[in-house]
Amino acid sequence: MATIKFIGVLILIALVAAFTFQNTDTAKLNFLFLHKEMSLSLMLLAFLFAGMVIGWIFSLLLFRKKEPRDDDLKTL
């Protein structure tokens, strides 16, 4: 099982490296008052990471377990 995870991680690293080396062009980011020029691969990976963090935070907020209140226990 550990070797399968290791091979999966190696494949993922290889795919990220290929993506990074193929997208080395610079791109302009203009958002409100932010004007930045950076590598396209870095920009895409930063937005991917930001989206993952935002999704993780929303999932924590939406699917957290609620503590039972006394009123809820009386209805049971």
PDB file of N, CA and C in Angstrom:
ATOM      1  N   MET A   1       0.823  -1.194   0.000  1.00  0.00           N
ATOM      2  CA  MET A   1       0.000   0.000   0.000  1.00  0.00           C
ATOM      3  C   MET A   1       0.868   1.259   0.000  1.00  0.00           C
ATOM      4  N   ALA A   2       1.953   1.231   0.754  1.00  0.00           N
ATOM      5  CA  ALA A   2       2.833   2.398   0.823  1.00  0.00           C
ATOM      6  C   ALA A   2       3.510   2.647  -0.518  1.00  0.00           C
ATOM      7  N   THR A   3       3.833   1.589  -1.254  1.00  0.00           N
ATOM      8  CA  THR A   3       4.495   1.780  -2.553  1.00  0.00           C
ATOM      9  C   THR A   3       3.526   2.371  -3.573  1.00  0.00           C
ATOM     10  N   ILE A   4       2.241   2.023  -3.469  1.00  0.00           N
ATOM     11  CA  ILE A   4       1.252   2.597  -4.391  1.00  0.00           C
ATOM     12  C   ILE A   4       1.115   4.093  -4.138  1.00  0.00           C
ATOM     13  N   LYS A   5       1.075   4.501  -2.869  1.00  0.00           N
ATOM     14  CA  LYS A   5       1.006   5.927  -2.538  1.00  0.00           C
ATOM     15  C   LYS A   5       2.264   6.646  -3.014  1.00  0.00           C
ATOM     16  N   PHE A   6       3.404   6.006  -2.829  1.00  0.00           N
ATOM     17  CA  PHE A   6       4.678   6.611  -3.250  1.00  0.00           C
ATOM     18  C   PHE A   6       4.706   6.805  -4.758  1.00  0.00           C
ATOM     19  N   ILE A   7       4.256   5.808  -5.500  1.00  0.00           N
ATOM     20  CA  ILE A   7       4.218   5.914  -6.962  1.00  0.00           C
ATOM     21  C   ILE A   7       3.223   7.000  -7.379  1.00  0.00           C
ATOM     22  N   GLY A   8       2.078   7.083  -6.698  1.00  0.00           N
ATOM     23  CA  GLY A   8       1.103   8.126  -6.996  1.00  0.00           C
ATOM     24  C   GLY A   8       1.656   9.521  -6.753  1.00  0.00           C
ATOM     25  N   VAL A   9       2.396   9.683  -5.667  1.00  0.00           N
ATOM     26  CA  VAL A   9       3.015  10.977  -5.364  1.00  0.00           C
ATOM     27  C   VAL A   9       4.071  11.324  -6.411  1.00  0.00           C
ATOM     28  N   LEU A  10       4.854  10.345  -6.839  1.00  0.00           N
ATOM     29  CA  LEU A  10       5.863  10.586  -7.876  1.00  0.00           C
ATOM     30  C   LEU A  10       5.213  10.999  -9.192  1.00  0.00           C
ATOM     31  N   ILE A  11       4.120  10.354  -9.551  1.00  0.00           N
ATOM     32  CA  ILE A  11       3.412  10.723 -10.780  1.00  0.00           C
ATOM     33  C   ILE A  11       2.852  12.133 -10.669  1.00  0.00           C
ATOM     34  N   LEU A  12       2.289  12.466  -9.524  1.00  0.00           N
ATOM     35  CA  LEU A  12       1.755  13.809  -9.312  1.00  0.00           C
ATOM     36  C   LEU A  12       2.852  14.866  -9.396  1.00  0.00           C
ATOM     37  N   ILE A  13       3.999  14.596  -8.813  1.00  0.00           N
ATOM     38  CA  ILE A  13       5.131  15.526  -8.878  1.00  0.00           C
ATOM     39  C   ILE A  13       5.595  15.693 -10.315  1.00  0.00           C
ATOM     40  N   ALA A  14       5.637  14.596 -11.073  1.00  0.00           N
ATOM     41  CA  ALA A  14       6.055  14.666 -12.473  1.00  0.00           C
ATOM     42  C   ALA A  14       5.062  15.496 -13.294  1.00  0.00           C
ATOM     43  N   LEU A  15       3.766  15.339 -13.023  1.00  0.00           N
ATOM     44  CA  LEU A  15       2.764  16.119 -13.752  1.00  0.00           C
ATOM     45  C   LEU A  15       2.854  17.605 -13.417  1.00  0.00           C
ATOM     46  N   VAL A  16       3.068  17.926 -12.159  1.00  0.00           N
ATOM     47  CA  VAL A  16       3.217  19.334 -11.756  1.00  0.00           C
ATOM     48  C   VAL A  16       4.476  19.930 -12.383  1.00  0.00           C
ATOM     49  N   ALA A  17       5.558  19.168 -12.413  1.00  0.00           N
ATOM     50  CA  ALA A  17       6.795  19.657 -13.025  1.00  0.00           C
ATOM     51  C   ALA A  17       6.596  19.883 -14.526  1.00  0.00           C
ATOM     52  N   ALA A  18       5.929  18.967 -15.214  1.00  0.00           N
ATOM     53  CA  ALA A  18       5.673  19.136 -16.645  1.00  0.00           C
ATOM     54  C   ALA A  18       4.795  20.358 -16.891  1.00  0.00           C
ATOM     55  N   PHE A  19       3.781  20.541 -16.063  1.00  0.00           N
ATOM     56  CA  PHE A  19       2.917  21.708 -16.186  1.00  0.00           C
ATOM     57  C   PHE A  19       3.704  22.996 -15.988  1.00  0.00           C
ATOM     58  N   THR A  20       4.572  23.016 -15.011  1.00  0.00           N
ATOM     59  CA  THR A  20       5.352  24.211 -14.706  1.00  0.00           C
ATOM     60  C   THR A  20       6.316  24.545 -15.839  1.00  0.00           C
ATOM     61  N   PHE A  21       6.981  23.546 -16.384  1.00  0.00           N
ATOM     62  CA  PHE A  21       7.957  23.803 -17.442  1.00  0.00           C
ATOM     63  C   PHE A  21       7.297  24.161 -18.771  1.00  0.00           C
ATOM     64  N   GLN A  22       6.060  23.767 -18.985  1.00  0.00           N
ATOM     65  CA  GLN A  22       5.380  24.089 -20.236  1.00  0.00           C
ATOM     66  C   GLN A  22       4.681  25.439 -20.198  1.00  0.00           C
ATOM     67  N   ASN A  23       4.510  26.022 -19.041  1.00  0.00           N
ATOM     68  CA  ASN A  23       3.811  27.304 -18.904  1.00  0.00           C
ATOM     69  C   ASN A  23       4.722  28.347 -18.270  1.00  0.00           C
ATOM     70  N   THR A  24       5.827  28.612 -18.908  1.00  0.00           N
ATOM     71  CA  THR A  24       6.791  29.564 -18.350  1.00  0.00           C
ATOM     72  C   THR A  24       6.580  30.986 -18.858  1.00  0.00           C
ATOM     73  N   ASP A  25       5.630  31.198 -19.749  1.00  0.00           N
ATOM     74  CA  ASP A  25       5.370  32.549 -20.250  1.00  0.00           C
ATOM     75  C   ASP A  25       4.878  33.443 -19.118  1.00  0.00           C
ATOM     76  N   THR A  26       5.090  34.733 -19.296  1.00  0.00           N
ATOM     77  CA  THR A  26       4.596  35.670 -18.290  1.00  0.00           C
ATOM     78  C   THR A  26       3.185  36.107 -18.652  1.00  0.00           C
ATOM     79  N   ALA A  27       2.411  36.390 -17.637  1.00  0.00           N
ATOM     80  CA  ALA A  27       1.034  36.835 -17.826  1.00  0.00           C
ATOM     81  C   ALA A  27       0.784  38.027 -16.917  1.00  0.00           C
ATOM     82  N   LYS A  28      -0.078  38.916 -17.368  1.00  0.00           N
ATOM     83  CA  LYS A  28      -0.422  40.100 -16.580  1.00  0.00           C
ATOM     84  C   LYS A  28      -1.682  39.818 -15.781  1.00  0.00           C
ATOM     85  N   LEU A  29      -1.664  40.226 -14.533  1.00  0.00           N
ATOM     86  CA  LEU A  29      -2.821  40.113 -13.660  1.00  0.00           C
ATOM     87  C   LEU A  29      -3.254  41.526 -13.288  1.00  0.00           C
ATOM     88  N   ASN A  30      -4.453  41.900 -13.695  1.00  0.00           N
ATOM     89  CA  ASN A  30      -5.028  43.201 -13.362  1.00  0.00           C
ATOM     90  C   ASN A  30      -6.314  42.952 -12.597  1.00  0.00           C
ATOM     91  N   PHE A  31      -6.291  43.226 -11.304  1.00  0.00           N
ATOM     92  CA  PHE A  31      -7.467  43.033 -10.461  1.00  0.00           C
ATOM     93  C   PHE A  31      -7.572  44.218  -9.525  1.00  0.00           C
ATOM     94  N   LEU A  32      -8.627  45.006  -9.720  1.00  0.00           N
ATOM     95  CA  LEU A  32      -8.855  46.227  -8.960  1.00  0.00           C
ATOM     96  C   LEU A  32      -7.606  47.093  -8.982  1.00  0.00           C
ATOM     97  N   PHE A  33      -6.916  47.224  -7.867  1.00  0.00           N
ATOM     98  CA  PHE A  33      -5.722  48.069  -7.820  1.00  0.00           C
ATOM     99  C   PHE A  33      -4.435  47.262  -7.905  1.00  0.00           C
ATOM    100  N   LEU A  34      -4.542  45.973  -8.112  1.00  0.00           N
ATOM    101  CA  LEU A  34      -3.375  45.093  -8.190  1.00  0.00           C
ATOM    102  C   LEU A  34      -2.993  44.893  -9.645  1.00  0.00           C
ATOM    103  N   HIS A  35      -1.785  45.275  -9.981  1.00  0.00           N
ATOM    104  CA  HIS A  35      -1.253  45.076 -11.329  1.00  0.00           C
ATOM    105  C   HIS A  35       0.059  44.322 -11.173  1.00  0.00           C
ATOM    106  N   LYS A  36       0.057  43.063 -11.621  1.00  0.00           N
ATOM    107  CA  LYS A  36       1.214  42.209 -11.400  1.00  0.00           C
ATOM    108  C   LYS A  36       1.513  41.442 -12.677  1.00  0.00           C
ATOM    109  N   GLU A  37       2.775  41.213 -12.941  1.00  0.00           N
ATOM    110  CA  GLU A  37       3.202  40.383 -14.058  1.00  0.00           C
ATOM    111  C   GLU A  37       4.020  39.235 -13.478  1.00  0.00           C
ATOM    112  N   MET A  38       3.585  38.018 -13.765  1.00  0.00           N
ATOM    113  CA  MET A  38       4.251  36.854 -13.185  1.00  0.00           C
ATOM    114  C   MET A  38       4.152  35.673 -14.140  1.00  0.00           C
ATOM    115  N   SER A  39       4.818  34.610 -13.786  1.00  0.00           N
ATOM    116  CA  SER A  39       4.796  33.384 -14.574  1.00  0.00           C
ATOM    117  C   SER A  39       3.379  32.818 -14.606  1.00  0.00           C
ATOM    118  N   LEU A  40       2.953  32.339 -15.768  1.00  0.00           N
ATOM    119  CA  LEU A  40       1.613  31.795 -15.916  1.00  0.00           C
ATOM    120  C   LEU A  40       1.406  30.577 -15.026  1.00  0.00           C
ATOM    121  N   SER A  41       2.394  29.710 -14.956  1.00  0.00           N
ATOM    122  CA  SER A  41       2.251  28.504 -14.131  1.00  0.00           C
ATOM    123  C   SER A  41       2.152  28.867 -12.653  1.00  0.00           C
ATOM    124  N   LEU A  42       2.915  29.850 -12.219  1.00  0.00           N
ATOM    125  CA  LEU A  42       2.850  30.285 -10.827  1.00  0.00           C
ATOM    126  C   LEU A  42       1.486  30.890 -10.513  1.00  0.00           C
ATOM    127  N   MET A  43       0.958  31.676 -11.449  1.00  0.00           N
ATOM    128  CA  MET A  43      -0.345  32.286 -11.251  1.00  0.00           C
ATOM    129  C   MET A  43      -1.439  31.217 -11.176  1.00  0.00           C
ATOM    130  N   LEU A  44      -1.425  30.251 -12.071  1.00  0.00           N
ATOM    131  CA  LEU A  44      -2.436  29.204 -12.069  1.00  0.00           C
ATOM    132  C   LEU A  44      -2.350  28.343 -10.810  1.00  0.00           C
ATOM    133  N   LEU A  45      -1.151  28.016 -10.387  1.00  0.00           N
ATOM    134  CA  LEU A  45      -0.995  27.224  -9.171  1.00  0.00           C
ATOM    135  C   LEU A  45      -1.432  28.009  -7.935  1.00  0.00           C
ATOM    136  N   ALA A  46      -1.182  29.311  -7.921  1.00  0.00           N
ATOM    137  CA  ALA A  46      -1.619  30.137  -6.791  1.00  0.00           C
ATOM    138  C   ALA A  46      -3.143  30.190  -6.724  1.00  0.00           C
ATOM    139  N   PHE A  47      -3.809  30.349  -7.885  1.00  0.00           N
ATOM    140  CA  PHE A  47      -5.274  30.365  -7.889  1.00  0.00           C
ATOM    141  C   PHE A  47      -5.848  28.996  -7.544  1.00  0.00           C
ATOM    142  N   LEU A  48      -5.199  27.929  -7.975  1.00  0.00           N
ATOM    143  CA  LEU A  48      -5.640  26.586  -7.608  1.00  0.00           C
ATOM    144  C   LEU A  48      -5.558  26.393  -6.096  1.00  0.00           C
ATOM    145  N   PHE A  49      -4.444  26.802  -5.514  1.00  0.00           N
ATOM    146  CA  PHE A  49      -4.264  26.678  -4.066  1.00  0.00           C
ATOM    147  C   PHE A  49      -5.280  27.535  -3.311  1.00  0.00           C
ATOM    148  N   ALA A  50      -5.501  28.754  -3.780  1.00  0.00           N
ATOM    149  CA  ALA A  50      -6.473  29.636  -3.124  1.00  0.00           C
ATOM    150  C   ALA A  50      -7.879  29.037  -3.209  1.00  0.00           C
ATOM    151  N   GLY A  51      -8.235  28.448  -4.338  1.00  0.00           N
ATOM    152  CA  GLY A  51      -9.533  27.817  -4.486  1.00  0.00           C
ATOM    153  C   GLY A  51      -9.691  26.611  -3.586  1.00  0.00           C
ATOM    154  N   MET A  52      -8.620  25.849  -3.428  1.00  0.00           N
ATOM    155  CA  MET A  52      -8.669  24.693  -2.533  1.00  0.00           C
ATOM    156  C   MET A  52      -8.860  25.137  -1.087  1.00  0.00           C
ATOM    157  N   VAL A  53      -8.176  26.182  -0.683  1.00  0.00           N
ATOM    158  CA  VAL A  53      -8.296  26.686   0.690  1.00  0.00           C
ATOM    159  C   VAL A  53      -9.708  27.232   0.935  1.00  0.00           C
ATOM    160  N   ILE A  54     -10.243  27.992  -0.028  1.00  0.00           N
ATOM    161  CA  ILE A  54     -11.594  28.532   0.121  1.00  0.00           C
ATOM    162  C   ILE A  54     -12.619  27.399   0.191  1.00  0.00           C
ATOM    163  N   GLY A  55     -12.469  26.388  -0.656  1.00  0.00           N
ATOM    164  CA  GLY A  55     -13.370  25.240  -0.611  1.00  0.00           C
ATOM    165  C   GLY A  55     -13.279  24.479   0.690  1.00  0.00           C
ATOM    166  N   TRP A  56     -12.086  24.336   1.221  1.00  0.00           N
ATOM    167  CA  TRP A  56     -11.890  23.643   2.489  1.00  0.00           C
ATOM    168  C   TRP A  56     -12.558  24.410   3.627  1.00  0.00           C
ATOM    169  N   ILE A  57     -12.408  25.741   3.626  1.00  0.00           N
ATOM    170  CA  ILE A  57     -13.019  26.559   4.672  1.00  0.00           C
ATOM    171  C   ILE A  57     -14.541  26.467   4.588  1.00  0.00           C
ATOM    172  N   PHE A  58     -15.106  26.568   3.384  1.00  0.00           N
ATOM    173  CA  PHE A  58     -16.564  26.458   3.237  1.00  0.00           C
ATOM    174  C   PHE A  58     -17.069  25.089   3.652  1.00  0.00           C
ATOM    175  N   SER A  59     -16.321  24.040   3.339  1.00  0.00           N
ATOM    176  CA  SER A  59     -16.769  22.705   3.752  1.00  0.00           C
ATOM    177  C   SER A  59     -16.735  22.568   5.270  1.00  0.00           C
ATOM    178  N   LEU A  60     -15.765  23.186   5.914  1.00  0.00           N
ATOM    179  CA  LEU A  60     -15.738  23.154   7.378  1.00  0.00           C
ATOM    180  C   LEU A  60     -16.931  23.891   7.967  1.00  0.00           C
ATOM    181  N   LEU A  61     -17.291  25.019   7.366  1.00  0.00           N
ATOM    182  CA  LEU A  61     -18.401  25.804   7.883  1.00  0.00           C
ATOM    183  C   LEU A  61     -19.751  25.143   7.610  1.00  0.00           C
ATOM    184  N   LEU A  62     -19.905  24.513   6.464  1.00  0.00           N
ATOM    185  CA  LEU A  62     -21.196  23.946   6.094  1.00  0.00           C
ATOM    186  C   LEU A  62     -21.458  22.580   6.722  1.00  0.00           C
ATOM    187  N   PHE A  63     -20.427  21.785   6.882  1.00  0.00           N
ATOM    188  CA  PHE A  63     -20.631  20.404   7.307  1.00  0.00           C
ATOM    189  C   PHE A  63     -20.131  20.119   8.717  1.00  0.00           C
ATOM    190  N   ARG A  64     -19.959  21.154   9.523  1.00  0.00           N
ATOM    191  CA  ARG A  64     -19.519  20.915  10.892  1.00  0.00           C
ATOM    192  C   ARG A  64     -20.671  20.323  11.695  1.00  0.00           C
ATOM    193  N   LYS A  65     -20.317  19.553  12.692  1.00  0.00           N
ATOM    194  CA  LYS A  65     -21.338  18.937  13.528  1.00  0.00           C
ATOM    195  C   LYS A  65     -21.865  19.961  14.518  1.00  0.00           C
ATOM    196  N   LYS A  66     -23.163  19.991  14.633  1.00  0.00           N
ATOM    197  CA  LYS A  66     -23.775  20.905  15.584  1.00  0.00           C
ATOM    198  C   LYS A  66     -23.935  20.178  16.912  1.00  0.00           C
ATOM    199  N   GLU A  67     -23.700  20.901  17.972  1.00  0.00           N
ATOM    200  CA  GLU A  67     -23.909  20.347  19.307  1.00  0.00           C
ATOM    201  C   GLU A  67     -25.409  20.293  19.574  1.00  0.00           C
ATOM    202  N   PRO A  68     -25.911  19.176  20.084  1.00  0.00           N
ATOM    203  CA  PRO A  68     -27.352  19.112  20.363  1.00  0.00           C
ATOM    204  C   PRO A  68     -27.729  20.072  21.495  1.00  0.00           C
ATOM    205  N   ARG A  69     -28.830  20.749  21.307  1.00  0.00           N
ATOM    206  CA  ARG A  69     -29.321  21.665  22.327  1.00  0.00           C
ATOM    207  C   ARG A  69     -30.351  20.939  23.177  1.00  0.00           C
ATOM    208  N   ASP A  70     -30.686  21.499  24.292  1.00  0.00           N
ATOM    209  CA  ASP A  70     -31.680  20.889  25.179  1.00  0.00           C
ATOM    210  C   ASP A  70     -33.029  20.753  24.497  1.00  0.00           C
ATOM    211  N   ASP A  71     -33.409  21.744  23.665  1.00  0.00           N
ATOM    212  CA  ASP A  71     -34.691  21.696  22.974  1.00  0.00           C
ATOM    213  C   ASP A  71     -34.738  20.520  21.999  1.00  0.00           C
ATOM    214  N   ASP A  72     -33.615  20.250  21.353  1.00  0.00           N
ATOM    215  CA  ASP A  72     -33.556  19.124  20.410  1.00  0.00           C
ATOM    216  C   ASP A  72     -33.675  17.796  21.144  1.00  0.00           C
ATOM    217  N   LEU A  73     -33.122  17.709  22.315  1.00  0.00           N
ATOM    218  CA  LEU A  73     -33.177  16.456  23.068  1.00  0.00           C
ATOM    219  C   LEU A  73     -34.592  16.180  23.601  1.00  0.00           C
ATOM    220  N   LYS A  74     -35.362  17.232  23.888  1.00  0.00           N
ATOM    221  CA  LYS A  74     -36.711  17.036  24.415  1.00  0.00           C
ATOM    222  C   LYS A  74     -37.653  16.477  23.339  1.00  0.00           C
ATOM    223  N   THR A  75     -37.384  16.798  22.075  1.00  0.00           N
ATOM    224  CA  THR A  75     -38.256  16.305  21.005  1.00  0.00           C
ATOM    225  C   THR A  75     -38.012  14.837  20.714  1.00  0.00           C
ATOM    226  N   LEU A  76     -36.877  14.308  21.118  1.00  0.00           N
ATOM    227  CA  LEU A  76     -36.608  12.887  20.888  1.00  0.00           C
ATOM    228  C   LEU A  76     -37.413  12.099  21.902  1.00  0.00           C
TER     229      LEU A  76
END
